[in-house]
C-alpha atoms as a PDB file:
ATOM      1  CA  MET A   1      21.210  38.901 -29.588  1.00  0.00           C
ATOM      2  CA  SER A   2      23.764  41.219 -31.144  1.00  0.00           C
ATOM      3  CA  ALA A   3      27.426  40.308 -31.507  1.00  0.00           C
ATOM      4  CA  GLY A   4      30.627  42.225 -30.993  1.00  0.00           C
ATOM      5  CA  THR A   5      33.261  42.850 -33.632  1.00  0.00           C
ATOM      6  CA  ASP A   6      35.243  39.854 -32.346  1.00  0.00           C
ATOM      7  CA  GLY A   7      32.222  37.582 -32.597  1.00  0.00           C
ATOM      8  CA  SER A   8      31.548  37.612 -28.859  1.00  0.00           C
ATOM      9  CA  PRO A   9      27.930  38.096 -27.729  1.00  0.00           C
ATOM     10  CA  GLU A  10      27.202  41.632 -26.554  1.00  0.00           C
ATOM     11  CA  VAL A  11      23.617  41.602 -25.317  1.00  0.00           C
ATOM     12  CA  PHE A  12      21.422  38.909 -23.832  1.00  0.00           C
ATOM     13  CA  ARG A  13      17.715  39.658 -24.285  1.00  0.00           C
ATOM     14  CA  VAL A  14      15.116  38.497 -21.758  1.00  0.00           C
ATOM     15  CA  LEU A  15      11.369  38.840 -22.357  1.00  0.00           C
ATOM     16  CA  PHE A  16       8.765  38.321 -19.617  1.00  0.00           C
ATOM     17  CA  VAL A  17       5.182  37.596 -20.669  1.00  0.00           C
ATOM     18  CA  CYS A  18       1.890  37.683 -18.757  1.00  0.00           C
ATOM     19  CA  THR A  19      -1.677  38.641 -19.708  1.00  0.00           C
ATOM     20  CA  GLY A  20      -2.253  42.368 -19.240  1.00  0.00           C
ATOM     21  CA  ASN A  21       1.402  43.439 -18.794  1.00  0.00           C
ATOM     22  CA  ILE A  22       0.514  45.523 -15.747  1.00  0.00           C
ATOM     23  CA  CYS A  23       1.258  43.203 -12.782  1.00  0.00           C
ATOM     24  CA  ARG A  24       3.431  40.110 -13.040  1.00  0.00           C
ATOM     25  CA  SER A  25       5.585  40.659 -16.115  1.00  0.00           C
ATOM     26  CA  PRO A  26       6.506  44.302 -15.385  1.00  0.00           C
ATOM     27  CA  PHE A  27       7.353  43.384 -11.796  1.00  0.00           C
ATOM     28  CA  ALA A  28       9.584  40.585 -13.110  1.00  0.00           C
ATOM     29  CA  GLN A  29      11.128  42.992 -15.636  1.00  0.00           C
ATOM     30  CA  PHE A  30      12.153  45.652 -13.124  1.00  0.00           C
ATOM     31  CA  HIS A  31      13.020  43.257 -10.326  1.00  0.00           C
ATOM     32  CA  THR A  32      15.355  41.397 -12.690  1.00  0.00           C
ATOM     33  CA  ARG A  33      17.026  44.633 -13.747  1.00  0.00           C
ATOM     34  CA  PHE A  34      17.636  45.635 -10.149  1.00  0.00           C
ATOM     35  CA  LEU A  35      18.956  42.184  -9.194  1.00  0.00           C
ATOM     36  CA  LEU A  36      21.282  42.134 -12.197  1.00  0.00           C
ATOM     37  CA  GLY A  37      22.602  45.559 -11.288  1.00  0.00           C
ATOM     38  CA  ALA A  38      23.306  44.436  -7.733  1.00  0.00           C
ATOM     39  CA  ARG A  39      25.011  41.205  -8.803  1.00  0.00           C
ATOM     40  CA  LEU A  40      26.825  42.174 -11.989  1.00  0.00           C
ATOM     41  CA  GLY A  41      27.518  45.870 -11.639  1.00  0.00           C
ATOM     42  CA  PRO A  42      28.550  47.302 -15.052  1.00  0.00           C
ATOM     43  CA  TRP A  43      27.976  43.899 -16.682  1.00  0.00           C
ATOM     44  CA  ALA A  44      24.240  44.352 -16.095  1.00  0.00           C
ATOM     45  CA  ARG A  45      24.201  46.601 -19.166  1.00  0.00           C
ATOM     46  CA  ALA A  46      24.823  43.478 -21.252  1.00  0.00           C
ATOM     47  CA  PHE A  47      21.290  42.299 -20.428  1.00  0.00           C
ATOM     48  CA  ALA A  48      18.210  43.822 -22.076  1.00  0.00           C
ATOM     49  CA  VAL A  49      15.118  42.953 -20.017  1.00  0.00           C
ATOM     50  CA  HIS A  50      11.597  43.749 -21.257  1.00  0.00           C
ATOM     51  CA  SER A  51       8.010  42.562 -20.853  1.00  0.00           C
ATOM     52  CA  ALA A  52       4.769  42.345 -22.818  1.00  0.00           C
ATOM     53  CA  GLY A  53       1.242  40.949 -22.525  1.00  0.00           C
ATOM     54  CA  THR A  54      -0.781  38.474 -24.551  1.00  0.00           C
ATOM     55  CA  SER A  55      -3.850  40.699 -23.988  1.00  0.00           C
ATOM     56  CA  ALA A  56      -2.196  43.891 -22.841  1.00  0.00           C
ATOM     57  CA  VAL A  57      -3.959  46.899 -21.403  1.00  0.00           C
ATOM     58  CA  ARG A  58      -2.028  49.049 -23.865  1.00  0.00           C
ATOM     59  CA  GLY A  59      -0.522  52.237 -22.522  1.00  0.00           C
ATOM     60  CA  HIS A  60      -1.598  51.508 -18.956  1.00  0.00           C
ATOM     61  CA  GLY A  61       0.888  52.033 -16.139  1.00  0.00           C
ATOM     62  CA  MET A  62       1.997  49.343 -13.750  1.00  0.00           C
ATOM     63  CA  HIS A  63      -0.635  48.265 -11.209  1.00  0.00           C
ATOM     64  CA  ASP A  64      -0.144  50.210  -7.972  1.00  0.00           C
ATOM     65  CA  ASP A  65      -0.129  47.105  -5.767  1.00  0.00           C
ATOM     66  CA  SER A  66       2.444  45.323  -7.926  1.00  0.00           C
ATOM     67  CA  ARG A  67       4.496  48.480  -8.149  1.00  0.00           C
ATOM     68  CA  ALA A  68       4.495  48.700  -4.352  1.00  0.00           C
ATOM     69  CA  GLN A  69       6.245  45.316  -4.257  1.00  0.00           C
ATOM     70  CA  LEU A  70       9.312  46.988  -5.776  1.00  0.00           C
ATOM     71  CA  THR A  71       9.615  48.792  -2.398  1.00  0.00           C
ATOM     72  CA  SER A  72      12.312  51.476  -2.597  1.00  0.00           C
ATOM     73  CA  ARG A  73      12.561  51.146  -6.393  1.00  0.00           C
ATOM     74  CA  ARG A  74       8.874  51.773  -7.056  1.00  0.00           C
ATOM     75  CA  ASP A  75       9.555  55.442  -7.855  1.00  0.00           C
ATOM     76  CA  HIS A  76      12.443  54.697 -10.203  1.00  0.00           C
ATOM     77  CA  PRO A  77      12.065  56.767 -13.411  1.00  0.00           C
ATOM     78  CA  ASP A  78      11.821  53.629 -15.579  1.00  0.00           C
ATOM     79  CA  VAL A  79       9.020  52.288 -13.394  1.00  0.00           C
ATOM     80  CA  ALA A  80       7.160  55.598 -13.461  1.00  0.00           C
ATOM     81  CA  ALA A  81       7.410  55.756 -17.265  1.00  0.00           C
ATOM     82  CA  PHE A  82       6.270  52.172 -17.843  1.00  0.00           C
ATOM     83  CA  ALA A  83       3.390  51.576 -20.275  1.00  0.00           C
ATOM     84  CA  ALA A  84       1.838  48.175 -20.984  1.00  0.00           C
ATOM     85  CA  ARG A  85       2.233  46.812 -24.527  1.00  0.00           C
ATOM     86  CA  GLN A  86       0.980  43.942 -26.619  1.00  0.00           C
ATOM     87  CA  LEU A  87       3.380  41.066 -27.260  1.00  0.00           C
ATOM     88  CA  PRO A  88       4.924  41.437 -30.735  1.00  0.00           C
ATOM     89  CA  ASP A  89       6.231  38.380 -32.597  1.00  0.00           C
ATOM     90  CA  ARG A  90       9.407  40.274 -33.400  1.00  0.00           C
ATOM     91  CA  ASP A  91      10.309  40.552 -29.706  1.00  0.00           C
ATOM     92  CA  VAL A  92       9.884  36.802 -29.304  1.00  0.00           C
ATOM     93  CA  LEU A  93      12.178  36.155 -32.263  1.00  0.00           C
ATOM     94  CA  LEU A  94      14.842  38.519 -30.925  1.00  0.00           C
ATOM     95  CA  ALA A  95      14.734  37.225 -27.358  1.00  0.00           C
ATOM     96  CA  ASP A  96      17.397  34.852 -26.101  1.00  0.00           C
ATOM     97  CA  LEU A  97      15.069  33.780 -23.298  1.00  0.00           C
ATOM     98  CA  VAL A  98      11.281  34.082 -23.023  1.00  0.00           C
ATOM     99  CA  LEU A  99       9.834  33.513 -19.550  1.00  0.00           C
ATOM    100  CA  THR A 100       6.064  33.337 -19.180  1.00  0.00           C
ATOM    101  CA  MET A 101       3.949  33.410 -16.035  1.00  0.00           C
ATOM    102  CA  THR A 102       1.809  30.368 -16.934  1.00  0.00           C
ATOM    103  CA  ARG A 103       1.770  27.453 -19.354  1.00  0.00           C
ATOM    104  CA  GLU A 104      -1.127  29.124 -21.141  1.00  0.00           C
ATOM    105  CA  HIS A 105       1.082  32.119 -21.896  1.00  0.00           C
ATOM    106  CA  ARG A 106       3.810  29.772 -23.090  1.00  0.00           C
ATOM    107  CA  SER A 107       1.359  28.060 -25.437  1.00  0.00           C
ATOM    108  CA  THR A 108       0.261  31.442 -26.815  1.00  0.00           C
ATOM    109  CA  VAL A 109       3.862  32.466 -27.494  1.00  0.00           C
ATOM    110  CA  LEU A 110       4.709  29.192 -29.206  1.00  0.00           C
ATOM    111  CA  GLY A 111       1.450  29.202 -31.153  1.00  0.00           C
ATOM    112  CA  ASP A 112       2.534  32.488 -32.754  1.00  0.00           C
ATOM    113  CA  VAL A 113       6.267  31.737 -32.972  1.00  0.00           C
ATOM    114  CA  PRO A 114       6.868  27.950 -32.941  1.00  0.00           C
ATOM    115  CA  LYS A 115      10.595  28.303 -33.531  1.00  0.00           C
ATOM    116  CA  ALA A 116      10.928  29.930 -30.103  1.00  0.00           C
ATOM    117  CA  LEU A 117      10.443  26.570 -28.361  1.00  0.00           C
ATOM    118  CA  PRO A 118      14.150  26.106 -27.433  1.00  0.00           C
ATOM    119  CA  THR A 119      14.213  29.409 -25.555  1.00  0.00           C
ATOM    120  CA  THR A 120      10.694  29.618 -24.078  1.00  0.00           C
ATOM    121  CA  PHE A 121       9.759  28.399 -20.587  1.00  0.00           C
ATOM    122  CA  THR A 122       7.469  29.363 -17.782  1.00  0.00           C
ATOM    123  CA  LEU A 123       9.484  31.260 -15.165  1.00  0.00           C
ATOM    124  CA  ARG A 124       8.984  28.647 -12.483  1.00  0.00           C
ATOM    125  CA  GLU A 125       9.718  25.834 -14.931  1.00  0.00           C
ATOM    126  CA  PHE A 126      13.023  27.470 -15.880  1.00  0.00           C
ATOM    127  CA  ALA A 127      14.044  27.761 -12.217  1.00  0.00           C
ATOM    128  CA  ARG A 128      12.926  24.192 -11.523  1.00  0.00           C
ATOM    129  CA  LEU A 129      15.016  22.794 -14.386  1.00  0.00           C
ATOM    130  CA  LEU A 130      18.090  24.759 -13.328  1.00  0.00           C
ATOM    131  CA  ARG A 131      17.674  23.738  -9.708  1.00  0.00           C
ATOM    132  CA  ALA A 132      18.022  20.109 -10.811  1.00  0.00           C
ATOM    133  CA  ALA A 133      21.185  20.766 -12.836  1.00  0.00           C
ATOM    134  CA  ASP A 134      24.223  18.548 -12.290  1.00  0.00           C
ATOM    135  CA  PRO A 135      26.808  20.411 -10.170  1.00  0.00           C
ATOM    136  CA  ALA A 136      29.502  19.295 -12.610  1.00  0.00           C
ATOM    137  CA  ASP A 137      27.612  20.980 -15.461  1.00  0.00           C
ATOM    138  CA  VAL A 138      27.230  24.135 -13.398  1.00  0.00           C
ATOM    139  CA  ALA A 139      30.947  24.127 -12.574  1.00  0.00           C
ATOM    140  CA  ALA A 140      31.736  23.930 -16.292  1.00  0.00           C
ATOM    141  CA  LEU A 141      29.689  27.027 -17.193  1.00  0.00           C
ATOM    142  CA  PRO A 142      31.672  29.870 -18.801  1.00  0.00           C
ATOM    143  CA  ARG A 143      32.524  32.835 -16.598  1.00  0.00           C
ATOM    144  CA  HIS A 144      31.547  35.523 -19.131  1.00  0.00           C
ATOM    145  CA  PRO A 145      28.040  36.632 -17.992  1.00  0.00           C
ATOM    146  CA  VAL A 146      26.430  36.656 -21.443  1.00  0.00           C
ATOM    147  CA  ARG A 147      27.949  33.344 -22.507  1.00  0.00           C
ATOM    148  CA  ARG A 148      26.997  31.941 -19.129  1.00  0.00           C
ATOM    149  CA  ALA A 149      23.378  33.046 -19.648  1.00  0.00           C
ATOM    150  CA  HIS A 150      23.249  31.247 -23.004  1.00  0.00           C
ATOM    151  CA  ALA A 151      24.747  28.154 -21.383  1.00  0.00           C
ATOM    152  CA  LEU A 152      22.067  28.236 -18.674  1.00  0.00           C
ATOM    153  CA  VAL A 153      19.329  28.268 -21.318  1.00  0.00           C
ATOM    154  CA  ALA A 154      20.963  25.276 -23.012  1.00  0.00           C
ATOM    155  CA  LEU A 155      21.243  23.533 -19.639  1.00  0.00           C
ATOM    156  CA  ALA A 156      17.532  24.035 -18.917  1.00  0.00           C
ATOM    157  CA  ARG A 157      16.575  22.963 -22.424  1.00  0.00           C
ATOM    158  CA  GLY A 158      18.561  19.746 -22.031  1.00  0.00           C
ATOM    159  CA  ALA A 159      16.872  19.018 -18.689  1.00  0.00           C
ATOM    160  CA  ARG A 160      13.379  18.983 -20.184  1.00  0.00           C
ATOM    161  CA  GLY A 161      11.780  15.604 -19.644  1.00  0.00           C
ATOM    162  CA  THR A 162      14.424  14.515 -17.133  1.00  0.00           C
ATOM    163  CA  VAL A 163      12.948  16.029 -13.956  1.00  0.00           C
ATOM    164  CA  PRO A 164       9.698  15.029 -12.234  1.00  0.00           C
ATOM    165  CA  ALA A 165       6.631  16.634 -13.770  1.00  0.00           C
ATOM    166  CA  VAL A 166       4.555  19.120 -11.769  1.00  0.00           C
ATOM    167  CA  SER A 167       1.040  20.462 -12.191  1.00  0.00           C
ATOM    168  CA  ALA A 168       0.228  23.523 -14.269  1.00  0.00           C
ATOM    169  CA  GLU A 169      -0.634  25.354 -11.064  1.00  0.00           C
ATOM    170  CA  GLU A 170       2.805  24.630  -9.590  1.00  0.00           C
ATOM    171  CA  ASP A 171       4.437  25.979 -12.740  1.00  0.00           C
ATOM    172  CA  ALA A 172       2.414  29.203 -12.638  1.00  0.00           C
ATOM    173  CA  VAL A 173       2.719  32.583 -10.968  1.00  0.00           C
ATOM    174  CA  PRO A 174      -0.875  33.367  -9.874  1.00  0.00           C
ATOM    175  CA  ASP A 175      -2.552  36.406 -11.419  1.00  0.00           C
ATOM    176  CA  PRO A 176      -3.073  39.039  -8.691  1.00  0.00           C
ATOM    177  CA  VAL A 177      -4.975  41.593 -10.779  1.00  0.00           C
ATOM    178  CA  SER A 178      -8.359  40.953  -9.145  1.00  0.00           C
ATOM    179  CA  GLY A 179      -6.960  40.526  -5.633  1.00  0.00           C
ATOM    180  CA  GLY A 180      -5.770  42.913  -2.982  1.00  0.00           C
ATOM    181  CA  PRO A 181      -2.242  43.791  -1.880  1.00  0.00           C
ATOM    182  CA  GLU A 182      -1.792  40.309  -0.405  1.00  0.00           C
ATOM    183  CA  ALA A 183      -2.341  38.688  -3.811  1.00  0.00           C
ATOM    184  CA  HIS A 184       0.272  40.956  -5.373  1.00  0.00           C
ATOM    185  CA  GLU A 185       2.690  40.080  -2.599  1.00  0.00           C
ATOM    186  CA  VAL A 186       2.163  36.351  -3.230  1.00  0.00           C
ATOM    187  CA  ALA A 187       2.880  36.825  -6.930  1.00  0.00           C
ATOM    188  CA  ALA A 188       5.941  38.953  -6.222  1.00  0.00           C
ATOM    189  CA  ARG A 189       7.335  36.346  -3.826  1.00  0.00           C
ATOM    190  CA  ALA A 190       6.886  33.568  -6.388  1.00  0.00           C
ATOM    191  CA  ILE A 191       8.683  35.640  -9.022  1.00  0.00           C
ATOM    192  CA  ASP A 192      11.476  36.604  -6.638  1.00  0.00           C
ATOM    193  CA  GLU A 193      12.105  33.002  -5.542  1.00  0.00           C
ATOM    194  CA  SER A 194      12.462  31.808  -9.128  1.00  0.00           C
ATOM    195  CA  LEU A 195      14.598  34.744 -10.208  1.00  0.00           C
ATOM    196  CA  ARG A 196      17.030  34.194  -7.367  1.00  0.00           C
ATOM    197  CA  VAL A 197      17.572  30.589  -8.448  1.00  0.00           C
ATOM    198  CA  VAL A 198      18.526  31.872 -11.893  1.00  0.00           C
ATOM    199  CA  LEU A 199      20.635  34.753 -10.583  1.00  0.00           C
ATOM    200  CA  ASP A 200      22.529  32.509  -8.175  1.00  0.00           C
ATOM    201  CA  LEU A 201      23.681  30.462 -11.165  1.00  0.00           C
ATOM    202  CA  LEU A 202      24.239  33.387 -13.493  1.00  0.00           C
ATOM    203  CA  ALA A 203      26.120  35.526 -10.982  1.00  0.00           C
ATOM    204  CA  PRO A 204      26.904  33.554  -7.824  1.00  0.00           C
ATOM    205  CA  PRO A 205      27.307  35.737  -4.733  1.00  0.00           C
ATOM    206  CA  PRO A 206      30.894  35.927  -3.469  1.00  0.00           C
ATOM    207  CA  PRO A 207      31.772  33.345  -0.808  1.00  0.00           C
ATOM    208  CA  VAL A 208      31.736  34.508   2.770  1.00  0.00           C
ATOM    209  CA  ARG A 209      35.283  34.379   4.128  1.00  0.00           C
ATOM    210  CA  PRO A 210      35.794  33.755   7.844  1.00  0.00           C
ATOM    211  CA  VAL A 211      37.223  36.723   9.697  1.00  0.00           C
ATOM    212  CA  PRO A 212      40.497  35.773  11.437  1.00  0.00           C
ATOM    213  CA  PRO A 213      40.536  36.392  15.184  1.00  0.00           C
ATOM    214  CA  ARG A 214      42.162  39.604  16.296  1.00  0.00           C
ATOM    215  CA  PRO A 215      45.511  39.059  18.029  1.00  0.00           C
ATOM    216  CA  GLY A 216      45.279  39.522  21.782  1.00  0.00           C
ATOM    217  CA  PRO A 217      47.844  40.858  24.266  1.00  0.00           C
ATOM    218  CA  PRO A 218      50.919  38.706  25.102  1.00  0.00           C
ATOM    219  CA  ALA A 219      50.343  36.071  27.755  1.00  0.00           C
ATOM    220  CA  MET A 220      52.720  37.781  30.233  1.00  0.00           C
ATOM    221  CA  PHE A 221      50.493  40.852  30.197  1.00  0.00           C
ATOM    222  CA  HIS A 222      47.199  39.029  30.641  1.00  0.00           C
ATOM    223  CA  PRO A 223      44.462  41.571  31.445  1.00  0.00           C
ATOM    224  CA  GLN A 224      43.458  39.568  34.538  1.00  0.00           C
ATOM    225  CA  GLY A 225      46.976  39.651  35.999  1.00  0.00           C
ATOM    226  CA  PRO A 226      50.153  37.595  35.594  1.00  0.00           C
ATOM    227  CA  GLY A 227      49.689  34.278  33.867  1.00  0.00           C
ATOM    228  CA  PRO A 228      51.660  31.492  32.178  1.00  0.00           C
ATOM    229  CA  GLY A 229      53.968  32.631  29.444  1.00  0.00           C
ATOM    230  CA  PRO A 230      55.919  30.884  26.679  1.00  0.00           C
ATOM    231  CA  GLY A 231      58.383  28.415  28.158  1.00  0.00           C
ATOM    232  CA  HIS A 232      56.799  28.661  31.600  1.00  0.00           C
ATOM    233  CA  PRO A 233      53.981  26.102  31.634  1.00  0.00           C
ATOM    234  CA  GLY A 234      51.883  26.572  34.681  1.00  0.00           C
ATOM    235  CA  GLY A 235      54.255  29.188  36.072  1.00  0.00           C
ATOM    236  CA  GLN A 236      53.870  32.888  36.502  1.00  0.00           C
ATOM    237  CA  VAL A 237      55.913  35.405  34.614  1.00  0.00           C
ATOM    238  CA  ARG A 238      56.324  38.544  36.596  1.00  0.00           C
ATOM    239  CA  GLY A 239      57.152  41.635  34.690  1.00  0.00           C
ATOM    240  CA  PRO A 240      56.896  45.360  35.114  1.00  0.00           C
ATOM    241  CA  GLY A 241      53.384  46.562  35.613  1.00  0.00           C
ATOM    242  CA  PRO A 242      51.417  49.489  36.971  1.00  0.00           C
ATOM    243  CA  GLY A 243      51.936  50.761  40.503  1.00  0.00           C
ATOM    244  CA  PRO A 244      49.848  49.581  43.441  1.00  0.00           C
ATOM    245  CA  VAL A 245      46.254  50.614  43.616  1.00  0.00           C
ATOM    246  CA  PRO A 246      45.036  51.421  47.148  1.00  0.00           C
ATOM    247  CA  GLY A 247      42.827  48.585  48.285  1.00  0.00           C
ATOM    248  CA  GLY A 248      43.672  46.476  45.224  1.00  0.00           C
ATOM    249  CA  PRO A 249      46.028  43.589  44.375  1.00  0.00           C
ATOM    250  CA  VAL A 250      49.761  44.137  44.439  1.00  0.00           C
ATOM    251  CA  PRO A 251      51.089  43.782  40.851  1.00  0.00           C
ATOM    252  CA  GLY A 252      53.893  41.293  40.335  1.00  0.00           C
ATOM    253  CA  GLY A 253      53.253  39.304  43.522  1.00  0.00           C
ATOM    254  CA  PRO A 254      50.807  36.831  45.009  1.00  0.00           C
ATOM    255  CA  VAL A 255      47.481  38.200  46.048  1.00  0.00           C
ATOM    256  CA  VAL A 256      47.056  37.671  49.790  1.00  0.00           C
ATOM    257  CA  GLY A 257      44.410  40.230  50.489  1.00  0.00           C
ATOM    258  CA  PRO A 258      43.793  43.919  50.156  1.00  0.00           C
ATOM    259  CA  ALA A 259      46.898  46.103  50.334  1.00  0.00           C
ATOM    260  CA  PRO A 260      47.318  48.065  53.582  1.00  0.00           C
ATOM    261  CA  MET A 261      46.196  51.629  53.574  1.00  0.00           C
ATOM    262  CA  PRO A 262      49.013  54.205  53.711  1.00  0.00           C
ATOM    263  CA  VAL A 263      49.874  55.365  57.261  1.00  0.00           C
ATOM    264  CA  ALA A 264      50.254  59.037  58.106  1.00  0.00           C
ATOM    265  CA  PRO A 265      53.821  60.110  59.071  1.00  0.00           C
ATOM    266  CA  SER A 266      52.793  61.110  62.614  1.00  0.00           C
ATOM    267  CA  ALA A 267      51.421  57.646  63.384  1.00  0.00           C
ATOM    268  CA  PRO A 268      54.703  56.238  64.866  1.00  0.00           C
ATOM    269  CA  GLN A 269      54.943  59.163  67.387  1.00  0.00           C
ATOM    270  CA  GLN A 270      51.387  58.507  68.535  1.00  0.00           C
ATOM    271  CA  ARG A 271      51.945  54.761  68.973  1.00  0.00           C
ATOM    272  CA  ALA A 272      55.072  55.159  71.181  1.00  0.00           C
ATOM    273  CA  PRO A 273      53.227  56.031  74.411  1.00  0.00           C
ATOM    274  CA  GLN A 274      50.780  53.232  73.829  1.00  0.00           C
ATOM    275  CA  GLU A 275      53.629  50.731  73.471  1.00  0.00           C
ATOM    276  CA  ALA A 276      55.143  52.038  76.709  1.00  0.00           C
ATOM    277  CA  GLU A 277      51.882  51.719  78.579  1.00  0.00           C
ATOM    278  CA  ALA A 278      51.255  48.194  77.428  1.00  0.00           C
ATOM    279  CA  PRO A 279      53.754  46.533  79.861  1.00  0.00           C
ATOM    280  CA  ALA A 280      52.372  48.631  82.716  1.00  0.00           C
ATOM    281  CA  ARG A 281      48.886  47.388  82.029  1.00  0.00           C
ATOM    282  CA  ARG A 282      50.146  43.812  81.880  1.00  0.00           C
ATOM    283  CA  SER A 283      51.959  44.290  85.245  1.00  0.00           C
ATOM    284  CA  SER A 284      48.798  45.568  86.884  1.00  0.00           C
ATOM    285  CA  ALA A 285      46.924  42.593  85.577  1.00  0.00           C
ATOM    286  CA  ASP A 286      49.575  40.246  87.019  1.00  0.00           C
ATOM    287  CA  ASP A 287      49.082  41.794  90.435  1.00  0.00           C
ATOM    288  CA  LEU A 288      45.486  40.675  90.389  1.00  0.00           C
ATOM    289  CA  VAL A 289      46.416  36.997  90.081  1.00  0.00           C
ATOM    290  CA  PRO A 290      46.575  35.440  93.561  1.00  0.00           C
ATOM    291  CA  GLU A 291      49.768  33.725  94.559  1.00  0.00           C
ATOM    292  CA  ARG A 292      49.673  29.987  94.782  1.00  0.00           C
ATOM    293  CA  SER A 293      50.163  28.577  98.263  1.00  0.00           C
END
């Protein structure tokens, strides 16, 4: 870790370790970089993330099936230029956090650099220890991303021996090198799950705020017609509204039925003779009723 002119930490160095440095550790390296960029934005530049192998296939590119697990980032220039490298002791000494894929890798690292014990964990072990952290301790973590990362390492270190033990298999990310695409997907999922535990503590996602309901129209202009308004419980407030719609309800008044259709102007002149004939028809009908004796 390098320090700024004011004594503040500038860079936090993370080193991932697997066997050949072509599957698990390079996937963890690039996936971590992309997650940091998404969570921290410009602050992601304060984190230097690298990888190496205990028996590296030196100069070899990333395995195609593991590279495919990076999905849209698989063609990123850094991924395309990747070359496997052997784990140097110097990188272990400079790292602020060493995360291995298995306990065997962790033992190899510590066998070469014993003083790295406080900062060396298997990846799944590190996530497991942080997952068991006291919420009060998490709440007290510093906000500065680099200082917060150092505090997380100290938190995990202090939790050693205080959480239930698990098997070596449960602490390992399985090696997919001799398997097909499914094996690489299993390894990638295990790495992603552990990394997200760490990232959620290092850079918590912003809380989701409820969206307030959109204000609706005033009660007196209810879209279904007149309705109760302020100060008129259960009553109807009649106000100006649109004109009548032929065959529809009459605005501003009770709905009795469909509105009458408009009558043509000549209708009254045509009805007059009919009204005059009506009594005549009734008189004729009366004539048919026999008189009572």
